[in-house]
Amino acid sequence: MPSPLVETVAEPSPARELEYCRALEQGRILLFARPPFELPEPGRSRLLAQHQTRAGYHKNIAYRPAQDRVTGFARGSDAESLRGALRLYSRRATEFAAWLLPRYARSWRLDLASFRPEEEEGRALPRRSRNDLIHVDAFPTRPTRGDRILRLFTNVNPAEPRVWLSGGTFEDIAPRFAPASLVARARRTGLGDRLRGLARAAGLKVAVRSPYDRFMLSFHHYLKESAAFQEGAEKSRVEFPAGATWMVFTDMVSHAVLKGRYALEQTFLVARTSLVLPDKAPIAILERIAQAPMS
């Protein structure tokens, strides 16, 4: 039986853009029935042969489109071939997403692409970095200030599905599971926040978090560490078959990756001003909970 979270798109068309935007912003996953763009076989084979560095600070192999730079790959890898394959994926994913959702593309910020070559099942990572615990996304070094995290994934595994588990949407879980103390703490500017602000004012490239970003990062950690949430949330299981491509706002849809390897991903930071349903954005939901501005 299909998951209620998933909306299968048989024939993607920009004519249905508003329909897709509403579905995504309400917490649906768009799963494309057929691959919406192709990756040439040589590049795909190179990706399947890659390994990730064992350094603990690299959870995935990351590609930075603005710098055309790759990090996180294992020593001895063919770095130039890897960069070429990830560059091509990033470009084709971006071209497709911009064609399908021009409303978002006009003002989005192109963020990182990544490749996840490791098997997720049984992977040894610190608890806050584990992918197999249900969470909503927040970036510790790239605050969004209320803009949305839209991600496009492709399972390039030739045979195995990528298996997700969801505990519901941010709209469902934040009022139920977010402690009031977490909201109150996010609204306070601590010494570290003030120091980062001063460093930013002095011209250093330092991430300055808004109250919203402080909350989302804390909530990400809290959900992963909360046995009450991990055990008590109503769960939906989703399997993305070999070759599948899907798109989702991962700051809205809580998710864990139970099984799978060889997934590609491109992230877009979608401006609040381009949303069709701005009241469904996590920042709007959080501000209703806090009864105060969080941006």
C-alpha atoms as a PDB file:
ATOM      1  CA  MET A   1       0.000   0.000   0.000  1.00  0.00           C
ATOM      2  CA  PRO A   2       1.444   3.450  -0.906  1.00  0.00           C
ATOM      3  CA  SER A   3       2.425   5.663   2.012  1.00  0.00           C
ATOM      4  CA  PRO A   4       0.069   8.624   2.625  1.00  0.00           C
ATOM      5  CA  LEU A   5       3.205  10.778   2.650  1.00  0.00           C
ATOM      6  CA  VAL A   6       4.024  10.026  -0.985  1.00  0.00           C
ATOM      7  CA  GLU A   7       2.491  11.549  -4.098  1.00  0.00           C
ATOM      8  CA  THR A   8       3.619   9.776  -7.263  1.00  0.00           C
ATOM      9  CA  VAL A   9       4.188  12.041 -10.267  1.00  0.00           C
ATOM     10  CA  ALA A  10       3.655  10.116 -13.505  1.00  0.00           C
ATOM     11  CA  GLU A  11       4.259  12.916 -16.015  1.00  0.00           C
ATOM     12  CA  PRO A  12       5.976  15.941 -14.435  1.00  0.00           C
ATOM     13  CA  SER A  13       4.881  19.258 -15.918  1.00  0.00           C
ATOM     14  CA  PRO A  14       5.477  22.931 -14.975  1.00  0.00           C
ATOM     15  CA  ALA A  15       1.781  23.475 -15.692  1.00  0.00           C
ATOM     16  CA  ARG A  16       1.102  21.714 -12.370  1.00  0.00           C
ATOM     17  CA  GLU A  17       3.663  23.792 -10.455  1.00  0.00           C
ATOM     18  CA  LEU A  18       1.229  25.231  -7.902  1.00  0.00           C
ATOM     19  CA  GLU A  19      -0.139  21.759  -7.205  1.00  0.00           C
ATOM     20  CA  TYR A  20       3.380  20.444  -6.594  1.00  0.00           C
ATOM     21  CA  CYS A  21       4.270  23.419  -4.387  1.00  0.00           C
ATOM     22  CA  ARG A  22       1.189  22.933  -2.235  1.00  0.00           C
ATOM     23  CA  ALA A  23       1.881  19.225  -1.858  1.00  0.00           C
ATOM     24  CA  LEU A  24       5.522  19.806  -0.902  1.00  0.00           C
ATOM     25  CA  GLU A  25       4.753  22.643   1.520  1.00  0.00           C
ATOM     26  CA  GLN A  26       2.052  20.588   3.246  1.00  0.00           C
ATOM     27  CA  GLY A  27       4.558  17.793   3.894  1.00  0.00           C
ATOM     28  CA  ARG A  28       4.229  15.408   0.959  1.00  0.00           C
ATOM     29  CA  ILE A  29       7.031  13.621  -0.863  1.00  0.00           C
ATOM     30  CA  LEU A  30       6.958  13.870  -4.661  1.00  0.00           C
ATOM     31  CA  LEU A  31       8.145  10.541  -6.092  1.00  0.00           C
ATOM     32  CA  PHE A  32       8.757  10.515  -9.835  1.00  0.00           C
ATOM     33  CA  ALA A  33       7.457   7.367 -11.501  1.00  0.00           C
ATOM     34  CA  ARG A  34      10.304   7.434 -14.036  1.00  0.00           C
ATOM     35  CA  PRO A  35      13.778   8.985 -13.749  1.00  0.00           C
ATOM     36  CA  PRO A  36      13.253  12.670 -14.673  1.00  0.00           C
ATOM     37  CA  PHE A  37      16.843  13.029 -15.933  1.00  0.00           C
ATOM     38  CA  GLU A  38      19.615  10.642 -16.872  1.00  0.00           C
ATOM     39  CA  LEU A  39      23.110  10.131 -15.527  1.00  0.00           C
ATOM     40  CA  PRO A  40      25.506   8.624 -18.084  1.00  0.00           C
ATOM     41  CA  GLU A  41      26.678   5.127 -17.238  1.00  0.00           C
ATOM     42  CA  PRO A  42      30.414   5.966 -16.843  1.00  0.00           C
ATOM     43  CA  GLY A  43      29.627   8.550 -14.138  1.00  0.00           C
ATOM     44  CA  ARG A  44      27.207   6.200 -12.375  1.00  0.00           C
ATOM     45  CA  SER A  45      29.820   3.426 -12.323  1.00  0.00           C
ATOM     46  CA  ARG A  46      32.434   5.786 -10.890  1.00  0.00           C
ATOM     47  CA  LEU A  47      30.059   6.729  -8.086  1.00  0.00           C
ATOM     48  CA  LEU A  48      29.342   3.102  -7.204  1.00  0.00           C
ATOM     49  CA  ALA A  49      33.091   2.496  -6.905  1.00  0.00           C
ATOM     50  CA  GLN A  50      33.615   5.385  -4.448  1.00  0.00           C
ATOM     51  CA  HIS A  51      34.346   5.120  -0.746  1.00  0.00           C
ATOM     52  CA  GLN A  52      33.968   7.729   1.940  1.00  0.00           C
ATOM     53  CA  THR A  53      36.701   8.895   4.288  1.00  0.00           C
ATOM     54  CA  ARG A  54      36.475   7.449   7.788  1.00  0.00           C
ATOM     55  CA  ALA A  55      37.038  10.886   9.343  1.00  0.00           C
ATOM     56  CA  GLY A  56      34.151  11.406  11.749  1.00  0.00           C
ATOM     57  CA  TYR A  57      33.448  14.976  10.654  1.00  0.00           C
ATOM     58  CA  HIS A  58      32.498  13.839   7.109  1.00  0.00           C
ATOM     59  CA  LYS A  59      29.111  12.096   7.232  1.00  0.00           C
ATOM     60  CA  ASN A  60      28.758  12.160   3.432  1.00  0.00           C
ATOM     61  CA  ILE A  61      30.778  13.038   0.350  1.00  0.00           C
ATOM     62  CA  ALA A  62      29.859  16.682  -0.303  1.00  0.00           C
ATOM     63  CA  TYR A  63      29.986  18.721  -3.507  1.00  0.00           C
ATOM     64  CA  ARG A  64      29.969  22.522  -3.346  1.00  0.00           C
ATOM     65  CA  PRO A  65      28.634  23.836  -6.674  1.00  0.00           C
ATOM     66  CA  ALA A  66      29.799  27.417  -6.093  1.00  0.00           C
ATOM     67  CA  GLN A  67      33.425  26.302  -5.635  1.00  0.00           C
ATOM     68  CA  ASP A  68      33.249  23.138  -7.812  1.00  0.00           C
ATOM     69  CA  ARG A  69      34.835  21.347  -4.860  1.00  0.00           C
ATOM     70  CA  VAL A  70      34.401  17.877  -3.345  1.00  0.00           C
ATOM     71  CA  THR A  71      35.126  16.864   0.259  1.00  0.00           C
ATOM     72  CA  GLY A  72      34.757  13.693   2.299  1.00  0.00           C
ATOM     73  CA  PHE A  73      36.057  11.095  -0.150  1.00  0.00           C
ATOM     74  CA  ALA A  74      38.531   8.404   0.816  1.00  0.00           C
ATOM     75  CA  ARG A  75      42.226   8.747   0.106  1.00  0.00           C
ATOM     76  CA  GLY A  76      43.131   7.014  -3.149  1.00  0.00           C
ATOM     77  CA  SER A  77      39.824   7.906  -4.858  1.00  0.00           C
ATOM     78  CA  ASP A  78      39.823   9.363  -8.358  1.00  0.00           C
ATOM     79  CA  ALA A  79      38.972  12.876  -7.174  1.00  0.00           C
ATOM     80  CA  GLU A  80      38.619  14.394 -10.638  1.00  0.00           C
ATOM     81  CA  SER A  81      36.206  11.706 -11.862  1.00  0.00           C
ATOM     82  CA  LEU A  82      34.202  12.006  -8.654  1.00  0.00           C
ATOM     83  CA  ARG A  83      33.994  15.772  -8.998  1.00  0.00           C
ATOM     84  CA  GLY A  84      32.869  15.425 -12.612  1.00  0.00           C
ATOM     85  CA  ALA A  85      30.124  12.943 -11.722  1.00  0.00           C
ATOM     86  CA  LEU A  86      28.818  15.076  -8.830  1.00  0.00           C
ATOM     87  CA  ARG A  87      29.024  18.251 -10.906  1.00  0.00           C
ATOM     88  CA  LEU A  88      26.899  16.619 -13.594  1.00  0.00           C
ATOM     89  CA  TYR A  89      24.343  15.354 -11.083  1.00  0.00           C
ATOM     90  CA  SER A  90      24.116  18.779  -9.414  1.00  0.00           C
ATOM     91  CA  ARG A  91      23.560  20.507 -12.762  1.00  0.00           C
ATOM     92  CA  ARG A  92      20.952  18.065 -14.027  1.00  0.00           C
ATOM     93  CA  ALA A  93      19.094  17.996 -10.699  1.00  0.00           C
ATOM     94  CA  THR A  94      19.097  21.803 -10.604  1.00  0.00           C
ATOM     95  CA  GLU A  95      17.954  22.126 -14.209  1.00  0.00           C
ATOM     96  CA  PHE A  96      15.088  19.701 -13.621  1.00  0.00           C
ATOM     97  CA  ALA A  97      13.982  21.318 -10.359  1.00  0.00           C
ATOM     98  CA  ALA A  98      14.128  24.806 -11.914  1.00  0.00           C
ATOM     99  CA  TRP A  99      12.087  23.597 -14.907  1.00  0.00           C
ATOM    100  CA  LEU A 100       9.471  21.988 -12.673  1.00  0.00           C
ATOM    101  CA  LEU A 101       9.319  24.688  -9.962  1.00  0.00           C
ATOM    102  CA  PRO A 102      10.304  28.040 -11.518  1.00  0.00           C
ATOM    103  CA  ARG A 103       8.501  29.907  -8.730  1.00  0.00           C
ATOM    104  CA  TYR A 104      11.078  28.599  -6.257  1.00  0.00           C
ATOM    105  CA  ALA A 105      14.036  28.784  -8.622  1.00  0.00           C
ATOM    106  CA  ARG A 106      13.734  32.534  -9.142  1.00  0.00           C
ATOM    107  CA  SER A 107      15.008  33.222  -5.636  1.00  0.00           C
ATOM    108  CA  TRP A 108      16.357  29.987  -4.172  1.00  0.00           C
ATOM    109  CA  ARG A 109      19.960  29.590  -3.024  1.00  0.00           C
ATOM    110  CA  LEU A 110      21.759  26.613  -4.476  1.00  0.00           C
ATOM    111  CA  ASP A 111      23.215  24.664  -1.570  1.00  0.00           C
ATOM    112  CA  LEU A 112      25.384  21.551  -1.387  1.00  0.00           C
ATOM    113  CA  ALA A 113      24.990  18.309  -3.266  1.00  0.00           C
ATOM    114  CA  SER A 114      26.037  15.071  -1.604  1.00  0.00           C
ATOM    115  CA  PHE A 115      26.675  11.403  -2.240  1.00  0.00           C
ATOM    116  CA  ARG A 116      25.938   8.789   0.428  1.00  0.00           C
ATOM    117  CA  PRO A 117      27.952   5.651  -0.481  1.00  0.00           C
ATOM    118  CA  GLU A 118      27.767   3.969   2.946  1.00  0.00           C
ATOM    119  CA  GLU A 119      25.146   1.424   3.999  1.00  0.00           C
ATOM    120  CA  GLU A 120      22.918   3.198   6.525  1.00  0.00           C
ATOM    121  CA  GLU A 121      21.782   0.074   8.383  1.00  0.00           C
ATOM    122  CA  GLY A 122      24.046  -0.435  11.396  1.00  0.00           C
ATOM    123  CA  ARG A 123      26.271   2.510  10.584  1.00  0.00           C
ATOM    124  CA  ALA A 124      28.421   3.640  13.532  1.00  0.00           C
ATOM    125  CA  LEU A 125      27.937   7.389  14.016  1.00  0.00           C
ATOM    126  CA  PRO A 126      27.484   9.688  17.031  1.00  0.00           C
ATOM    127  CA  ARG A 127      23.827   9.822  18.059  1.00  0.00           C
ATOM    128  CA  ARG A 128      23.258  13.357  16.766  1.00  0.00           C
ATOM    129  CA  SER A 129      24.748  12.380  13.384  1.00  0.00           C
ATOM    130  CA  ARG A 130      22.855   9.115  12.971  1.00  0.00           C
ATOM    131  CA  ASN A 131      20.564   8.951   9.963  1.00  0.00           C
ATOM    132  CA  ASP A 132      18.490   6.059  11.327  1.00  0.00           C
ATOM    133  CA  LEU A 133      16.848   8.221  14.017  1.00  0.00           C
ATOM    134  CA  ILE A 134      13.807  10.277  13.014  1.00  0.00           C
ATOM    135  CA  HIS A 135      14.493  14.023  12.767  1.00  0.00           C
ATOM    136  CA  VAL A 136      13.803  17.194  10.813  1.00  0.00           C
ATOM    137  CA  ASP A 137      16.722  18.839   9.059  1.00  0.00           C
ATOM    138  CA  ALA A 138      18.693  21.834  10.311  1.00  0.00           C
ATOM    139  CA  PHE A 139      22.176  22.918   9.221  1.00  0.00           C
ATOM    140  CA  PRO A 140      24.606  23.890  12.006  1.00  0.00           C
ATOM    141  CA  THR A 141      26.896  25.893   9.686  1.00  0.00           C
ATOM    142  CA  ARG A 142      24.346  27.200   7.148  1.00  0.00           C
ATOM    143  CA  PRO A 143      21.427  28.885   8.934  1.00  0.00           C
ATOM    144  CA  THR A 144      18.338  29.455   6.777  1.00  0.00           C
ATOM    145  CA  ARG A 145      16.663  32.217   8.856  1.00  0.00           C
ATOM    146  CA  GLY A 146      13.274  30.736   8.013  1.00  0.00           C
ATOM    147  CA  ASP A 147      13.868  29.817   4.384  1.00  0.00           C
ATOM    148  CA  ARG A 148      12.948  26.222   3.502  1.00  0.00           C
ATOM    149  CA  ILE A 149      15.191  23.173   2.957  1.00  0.00           C
ATOM    150  CA  LEU A 150      14.115  21.493  -0.283  1.00  0.00           C
ATOM    151  CA  ARG A 151      16.035  18.362  -1.244  1.00  0.00           C
ATOM    152  CA  LEU A 152      16.016  16.272  -4.399  1.00  0.00           C
ATOM    153  CA  PHE A 153      17.278  12.689  -3.971  1.00  0.00           C
ATOM    154  CA  THR A 154      18.189   9.945  -6.416  1.00  0.00           C
ATOM    155  CA  ASN A 155      18.785   6.332  -5.410  1.00  0.00           C
ATOM    156  CA  VAL A 156      21.559   5.219  -7.791  1.00  0.00           C
ATOM    157  CA  ASN A 157      21.789   1.802  -6.151  1.00  0.00           C
ATOM    158  CA  PRO A 158      21.246  -0.600  -9.081  1.00  0.00           C
ATOM    159  CA  ALA A 159      19.361  -3.207  -7.049  1.00  0.00           C
ATOM    160  CA  GLU A 160      18.335  -2.129  -3.541  1.00  0.00           C
ATOM    161  CA  PRO A 161      15.716   0.348  -2.281  1.00  0.00           C
ATOM    162  CA  ARG A 162      16.449   3.218   0.076  1.00  0.00           C
ATOM    163  CA  VAL A 163      14.165   2.804   3.095  1.00  0.00           C
ATOM    164  CA  TRP A 164      12.850   5.770   5.082  1.00  0.00           C
ATOM    165  CA  LEU A 165      10.765   6.030   8.221  1.00  0.00           C
ATOM    166  CA  SER A 166       8.784   9.191   9.023  1.00  0.00           C
ATOM    167  CA  GLY A 167       7.260  10.254  12.317  1.00  0.00           C
ATOM    168  CA  GLY A 168       5.024  12.907  10.748  1.00  0.00           C
ATOM    169  CA  THR A 169       5.394  16.522   9.721  1.00  0.00           C
ATOM    170  CA  PHE A 170       6.808  19.430  11.700  1.00  0.00           C
ATOM    171  CA  GLU A 171       3.250  20.744  11.968  1.00  0.00           C
ATOM    172  CA  ASP A 172       2.247  17.486  13.672  1.00  0.00           C
ATOM    173  CA  ILE A 173       5.216  16.905  15.958  1.00  0.00           C
ATOM    174  CA  ALA A 174       6.370  20.363  17.072  1.00  0.00           C
ATOM    175  CA  PRO A 175       3.248  21.206  19.149  1.00  0.00           C
ATOM    176  CA  ARG A 176       3.287  17.716  20.658  1.00  0.00           C
ATOM    177  CA  PHE A 177       6.974  17.070  21.315  1.00  0.00           C
ATOM    178  CA  ALA A 178       8.842  20.425  21.442  1.00  0.00           C
ATOM    179  CA  PRO A 179       9.417  21.402  25.089  1.00  0.00           C
ATOM    180  CA  ALA A 180       8.510  24.988  25.961  1.00  0.00           C
ATOM    181  CA  SER A 181      12.023  25.353  27.387  1.00  0.00           C
ATOM    182  CA  LEU A 182      13.503  24.657  23.942  1.00  0.00           C
ATOM    183  CA  VAL A 183      11.465  27.489  22.427  1.00  0.00           C
ATOM    184  CA  ALA A 184      12.332  29.873  25.266  1.00  0.00           C
ATOM    185  CA  ARG A 185      16.037  29.066  25.071  1.00  0.00           C
ATOM    186  CA  ALA A 186      16.070  29.663  21.308  1.00  0.00           C
ATOM    187  CA  ARG A 187      14.685  33.155  21.838  1.00  0.00           C
ATOM    188  CA  ARG A 188      17.573  34.102  24.127  1.00  0.00           C
ATOM    189  CA  THR A 189      20.821  35.384  22.618  1.00  0.00           C
ATOM    190  CA  GLY A 190      23.727  33.714  24.397  1.00  0.00           C
ATOM    191  CA  LEU A 191      27.369  34.701  24.620  1.00  0.00           C
ATOM    192  CA  GLY A 192      28.292  32.470  21.691  1.00  0.00           C
ATOM    193  CA  ASP A 193      25.638  34.121  19.521  1.00  0.00           C
ATOM    194  CA  ARG A 194      26.912  37.582  20.435  1.00  0.00           C
ATOM    195  CA  LEU A 195      30.505  36.604  19.669  1.00  0.00           C
ATOM    196  CA  ARG A 196      29.476  35.187  16.288  1.00  0.00           C
ATOM    197  CA  GLY A 197      27.626  38.426  15.540  1.00  0.00           C
ATOM    198  CA  LEU A 198      30.703  40.488  16.372  1.00  0.00           C
ATOM    199  CA  ALA A 199      32.896  38.251  14.219  1.00  0.00           C
ATOM    200  CA  ARG A 200      30.443  38.584  11.337  1.00  0.00           C
ATOM    201  CA  ALA A 201      30.412  42.368  11.735  1.00  0.00           C
ATOM    202  CA  ALA A 202      34.215  42.325  11.550  1.00  0.00           C
ATOM    203  CA  GLY A 203      34.031  40.647   8.155  1.00  0.00           C
ATOM    204  CA  LEU A 204      34.643  37.028   9.128  1.00  0.00           C
ATOM    205  CA  LYS A 205      32.594  34.300   7.442  1.00  0.00           C
ATOM    206  CA  VAL A 206      30.749  33.129  10.532  1.00  0.00           C
ATOM    207  CA  ALA A 207      27.257  31.622  10.652  1.00  0.00           C
ATOM    208  CA  VAL A 208      24.927  33.774  12.757  1.00  0.00           C
ATOM    209  CA  ARG A 209      21.812  31.889  13.821  1.00  0.00           C
ATOM    210  CA  SER A 210      18.401  33.462  14.213  1.00  0.00           C
ATOM    211  CA  PRO A 211      16.109  32.268  17.039  1.00  0.00           C
ATOM    212  CA  TYR A 212      14.474  30.009  14.443  1.00  0.00           C
ATOM    213  CA  ASP A 213      17.818  28.431  13.496  1.00  0.00           C
ATOM    214  CA  ARG A 214      18.738  27.938  17.151  1.00  0.00           C
ATOM    215  CA  PHE A 215      15.428  26.196  17.750  1.00  0.00           C
ATOM    216  CA  MET A 216      15.625  23.979  14.666  1.00  0.00           C
ATOM    217  CA  LEU A 217      19.143  22.799  15.471  1.00  0.00           C
ATOM    218  CA  SER A 218      18.178  22.107  19.093  1.00  0.00           C
ATOM    219  CA  PHE A 219      14.982  20.358  17.979  1.00  0.00           C
ATOM    220  CA  HIS A 220      16.975  18.197  15.543  1.00  0.00           C
ATOM    221  CA  HIS A 221      19.174  17.051  18.443  1.00  0.00           C
ATOM    222  CA  TYR A 222      16.239  16.709  20.836  1.00  0.00           C
ATOM    223  CA  LEU A 223      14.255  14.455  18.499  1.00  0.00           C
ATOM    224  CA  LYS A 224      17.191  12.117  17.961  1.00  0.00           C
ATOM    225  CA  GLU A 225      17.854  11.924  21.707  1.00  0.00           C
ATOM    226  CA  SER A 226      14.200  11.580  22.774  1.00  0.00           C
ATOM    227  CA  ALA A 227      13.122   7.992  23.398  1.00  0.00           C
ATOM    228  CA  ALA A 228       9.564   9.270  23.888  1.00  0.00           C
ATOM    229  CA  PHE A 229       9.528  10.648  20.346  1.00  0.00           C
ATOM    230  CA  GLN A 230      11.433   7.823  18.655  1.00  0.00           C
ATOM    231  CA  GLU A 231       9.129   5.239  20.235  1.00  0.00           C
ATOM    232  CA  GLY A 232       5.886   7.210  20.485  1.00  0.00           C
ATOM    233  CA  ALA A 233       5.584   8.961  17.123  1.00  0.00           C
ATOM    234  CA  GLU A 234       3.152   7.424  14.640  1.00  0.00           C
ATOM    235  CA  LYS A 235       5.408   6.102  11.901  1.00  0.00           C
ATOM    236  CA  SER A 236       5.157   5.663   8.138  1.00  0.00           C
ATOM    237  CA  ARG A 237       7.620   3.534   6.163  1.00  0.00           C
ATOM    238  CA  VAL A 238       8.573   4.545   2.627  1.00  0.00           C
ATOM    239  CA  GLU A 239      10.710   2.561   0.180  1.00  0.00           C
ATOM    240  CA  PHE A 240      12.327   4.350  -2.743  1.00  0.00           C
ATOM    241  CA  PRO A 241      13.177   1.750  -5.400  1.00  0.00           C
ATOM    242  CA  ALA A 242      16.474   1.399  -7.227  1.00  0.00           C
ATOM    243  CA  GLY A 243      16.788   4.298  -9.666  1.00  0.00           C
ATOM    244  CA  ALA A 244      14.050   6.395  -8.017  1.00  0.00           C
ATOM    245  CA  THR A 245      14.139  10.198  -7.719  1.00  0.00           C
ATOM    246  CA  TRP A 246      12.090  12.094  -5.127  1.00  0.00           C
ATOM    247  CA  MET A 247      11.724  15.618  -3.762  1.00  0.00           C
ATOM    248  CA  VAL A 248      10.775  16.746  -0.240  1.00  0.00           C
ATOM    249  CA  PHE A 249      11.021  19.626   2.235  1.00  0.00           C
ATOM    250  CA  THR A 250      13.121  17.895   4.901  1.00  0.00           C
ATOM    251  CA  ASP A 251      12.577  20.684   7.430  1.00  0.00           C
ATOM    252  CA  MET A 252       8.886  19.701   7.320  1.00  0.00           C
ATOM    253  CA  VAL A 253       8.854  15.919   6.829  1.00  0.00           C
ATOM    254  CA  SER A 254      10.533  14.087   9.700  1.00  0.00           C
ATOM    255  CA  HIS A 255      12.572  11.184   8.434  1.00  0.00           C
ATOM    256  CA  ALA A 256      15.110   8.492   9.212  1.00  0.00           C
ATOM    257  CA  VAL A 257      17.053   6.334   6.765  1.00  0.00           C
ATOM    258  CA  LEU A 258      16.834   2.712   7.884  1.00  0.00           C
ATOM    259  CA  LYS A 259      18.571   1.048   4.976  1.00  0.00           C
ATOM    260  CA  GLY A 260      20.308   1.819   1.710  1.00  0.00           C
ATOM    261  CA  ARG A 261      23.497   3.076   0.116  1.00  0.00           C
ATOM    262  CA  TYR A 262      24.457   4.992  -3.022  1.00  0.00           C
ATOM    263  CA  ALA A 263      22.069   7.959  -2.786  1.00  0.00           C
ATOM    264  CA  LEU A 264      22.661  11.309  -4.466  1.00  0.00           C
ATOM    265  CA  GLU A 265      21.091  14.540  -3.236  1.00  0.00           C
ATOM    266  CA  GLN A 266      20.909  18.231  -4.166  1.00  0.00           C
ATOM    267  CA  THR A 267      19.720  20.844  -1.661  1.00  0.00           C
ATOM    268  CA  PHE A 268      17.975  24.148  -2.417  1.00  0.00           C
ATOM    269  CA  LEU A 269      17.209  26.853   0.164  1.00  0.00           C
ATOM    270  CA  VAL A 270      13.807  28.173  -0.879  1.00  0.00           C
ATOM    271  CA  ALA A 271      12.955  31.762   0.045  1.00  0.00           C
ATOM    272  CA  ARG A 272       9.914  32.272   2.268  1.00  0.00           C
ATOM    273  CA  THR A 273       8.690  34.950  -0.145  1.00  0.00           C
ATOM    274  CA  SER A 274       8.267  32.357  -2.923  1.00  0.00           C
ATOM    275  CA  LEU A 275       6.110  29.933  -0.919  1.00  0.00           C
ATOM    276  CA  VAL A 276       2.540  29.215  -1.950  1.00  0.00           C
ATOM    277  CA  LEU A 277       1.498  28.340   1.634  1.00  0.00           C
ATOM    278  CA  PRO A 278       3.713  30.512   3.865  1.00  0.00           C
ATOM    279  CA  ASP A 279       1.606  29.656   6.932  1.00  0.00           C
ATOM    280  CA  LYS A 280       2.741  26.019   6.530  1.00  0.00           C
ATOM    281  CA  ALA A 281       6.428  26.935   6.794  1.00  0.00           C
ATOM    282  CA  PRO A 282       8.086  25.657   9.998  1.00  0.00           C
ATOM    283  CA  ILE A 283       8.994  29.207  11.009  1.00  0.00           C
ATOM    284  CA  ALA A 284       5.326  30.272  10.805  1.00  0.00           C
ATOM    285  CA  ILE A 285       4.284  27.207  12.814  1.00  0.00           C
ATOM    286  CA  LEU A 286       6.990  27.893  15.387  1.00  0.00           C
ATOM    287  CA  GLU A 287       5.992  31.552  15.708  1.00  0.00           C
ATOM    288  CA  ARG A 288       2.427  30.486  16.434  1.00  0.00           C
ATOM    289  CA  ILE A 289       3.712  28.149  19.144  1.00  0.00           C
ATOM    290  CA  ALA A 290       6.053  30.803  20.604  1.00  0.00           C
ATOM    291  CA  GLN A 291       3.586  33.656  20.051  1.00  0.00           C
ATOM    292  CA  ALA A 292       6.609  35.745  19.108  1.00  0.00           C
ATOM    293  CA  PRO A 293       8.817  36.477  16.066  1.00  0.00           C
ATOM    294  CA  MET A 294      11.620  33.933  15.506  1.00  0.00           C
ATOM    295  CA  SER A 295      13.346  35.274  12.382  1.00  0.00           C
END
